[in-house]
Amino acid sequence: MGRRAGMSLVSLSLYILIIIVMSLFIVAKPNPERIEDDGLRDFAITLDTSLSQWYAFHSGSYPETLTTMIDAKVLPEHAPVHKFTYTTNGEKTKYHMIVILNNSTWTTPGSNL
């Protein structure tokens, strides 16, 4: 008895599985809210880094507001600082910052107040 030419049931099943998985990726629509939230989280981490650099170059004090950093050209004019709640302690040596996401708020990792 010789081997028959053609696909086996296992290889046919694998091809069908690959086609189904690929079609799920093609058909699935991106979630714009999640994309925006991820972008704001990424910007928050960048903002934390900018605040630590500000602290190092300004005698150990954080800015009064985030718009101060825009005015000083540290942040771009289109930075979405309106999505952030930023406060400092009286001596401006510590800060707390949260970002308002679509369904929640997120405290930035660099917050130390």
Protein backbone atom coordinates (compact mmCIF):
# COMPACT_ATOMS: atom_id res chain seq x y z
CA MET A 1 0.00 0.00 0.00
CA GLY A 2 1.45 3.33 -1.01
CA ARG A 3 0.98 6.69 0.58
CA ARG A 4 -1.78 8.79 -0.91
CA ALA A 5 -0.94 12.21 -2.28
CA GLY A 6 -2.62 15.18 -0.68
CA MET A 7 -3.05 16.78 2.71
CA SER A 8 -3.54 14.87 5.88
CA LEU A 9 -6.33 15.71 8.25
CA VAL A 10 -3.85 17.21 10.73
CA SER A 11 -2.23 19.55 8.21
CA LEU A 12 -5.65 20.57 6.87
CA SER A 13 -6.76 21.39 10.43
CA LEU A 14 -3.64 23.49 10.99
CA TYR A 15 -4.24 25.49 7.80
CA ILE A 16 -7.85 26.12 8.79
CA LEU A 17 -6.77 27.20 12.28
CA ILE A 18 -4.22 29.64 10.84
CA ILE A 19 -6.85 31.12 8.51
CA ILE A 20 -9.31 31.57 11.39
CA VAL A 21 -6.74 33.27 13.63
CA MET A 22 -5.59 35.59 10.85
CA SER A 23 -9.16 36.54 10.00
CA LEU A 24 -9.77 37.47 13.66
CA PHE A 25 -6.89 39.94 13.51
CA ILE A 26 -8.11 41.39 10.24
CA VAL A 27 -11.76 41.70 11.32
CA ALA A 28 -11.13 42.93 14.88
CA LYS A 29 -11.40 46.70 15.09
CA PRO A 30 -8.95 48.66 17.23
CA ASN A 31 -10.34 50.14 20.41
CA PRO A 32 -9.74 53.93 20.21
CA GLU A 33 -10.31 54.42 23.94
CA ARG A 34 -7.63 51.89 24.81
CA ILE A 35 -5.22 53.42 22.30
CA GLU A 36 -5.78 56.87 23.84
CA ASP A 37 -5.36 55.52 27.38
CA ASP A 38 -2.11 53.78 26.46
CA GLY A 39 -0.84 56.97 24.84
CA LEU A 40 -1.67 59.01 27.94
CA ARG A 41 0.10 56.47 30.17
CA ASP A 42 3.17 56.64 27.94
CA PHE A 43 3.09 60.43 28.01
CA ALA A 44 2.72 60.35 31.81
CA ILE A 45 5.91 58.33 32.11
CA THR A 46 7.68 60.80 29.81
CA LEU A 47 6.28 63.64 31.90
CA ASP A 48 7.63 62.01 35.07
CA THR A 49 11.08 61.94 33.48
CA SER A 50 10.77 65.60 32.46
CA LEU A 51 9.73 66.52 36.01
CA SER A 52 12.73 64.74 37.51
CA GLN A 53 15.02 66.60 35.11
CA TRP A 54 13.29 69.88 35.97
CA TYR A 55 13.85 69.09 39.65
CA ALA A 56 17.56 68.46 39.04
CA PHE A 57 18.08 71.67 37.05
CA HIS A 58 15.96 73.98 39.23
CA SER A 59 17.60 73.68 42.63
CA GLY A 60 15.50 70.79 43.84
CA SER A 61 12.02 72.16 43.19
CA TYR A 62 9.24 71.08 40.87
CA PRO A 63 7.28 73.57 38.72
CA GLU A 64 4.16 75.21 40.09
CA THR A 65 2.01 73.89 37.22
CA LEU A 66 2.51 71.75 34.13
CA THR A 67 1.83 74.76 31.91
CA THR A 68 4.97 76.30 33.41
CA MET A 69 6.87 73.58 31.58
CA ILE A 70 5.07 74.43 28.34
CA ASP A 71 5.88 78.13 28.79
CA ALA A 72 9.54 77.22 29.36
CA LYS A 73 9.47 75.15 26.13
CA VAL A 74 10.23 71.94 28.02
CA LEU A 75 6.98 70.41 26.80
CA PRO A 76 5.39 70.91 23.38
CA GLU A 77 2.49 73.35 23.12
CA HIS A 78 0.08 70.57 22.17
CA ALA A 79 0.93 68.43 25.23
CA PRO A 80 -2.34 67.14 26.75
CA VAL A 81 -1.69 68.57 30.23
CA HIS A 82 -5.42 69.26 30.67
CA LYS A 83 -5.87 65.49 31.18
CA PHE A 84 -3.54 65.56 34.21
CA THR A 85 -4.10 66.66 37.79
CA TYR A 86 -0.79 67.87 39.19
CA THR A 87 -0.10 69.15 42.72
CA THR A 88 3.04 69.86 44.71
CA ASN A 89 3.69 70.21 48.40
CA GLY A 90 4.37 73.66 49.87
CA GLU A 91 8.12 73.53 49.28
CA LYS A 92 7.69 72.07 45.76
CA THR A 93 10.00 69.18 46.68
CA LYS A 94 7.37 66.49 46.05
CA TYR A 95 4.53 66.13 43.58
CA HIS A 96 1.48 64.00 42.92
CA MET A 97 0.11 63.57 39.43
CA ILE A 98 -2.79 61.56 38.09
CA VAL A 99 -4.03 61.21 34.55
CA ILE A 100 -7.72 61.05 33.75
CA LEU A 101 -8.34 58.10 31.44
CA ASN A 102 -11.59 57.16 29.73
CA ASN A 103 -12.82 54.83 32.48
CA SER A 104 -10.46 55.48 35.39
CA THR A 105 -7.66 57.58 36.78
CA TRP A 106 -4.03 56.49 36.99
CA THR A 107 -1.37 57.76 39.38
CA THR A 108 1.95 58.26 37.62
CA PRO A 109 4.86 56.11 38.79
CA GLY A 110 7.01 59.14 39.66
CA SER A 111 4.48 60.65 42.07
CA ASN A 112 6.05 60.92 45.51
CA LEU A 113 3.64 63.04 47.54
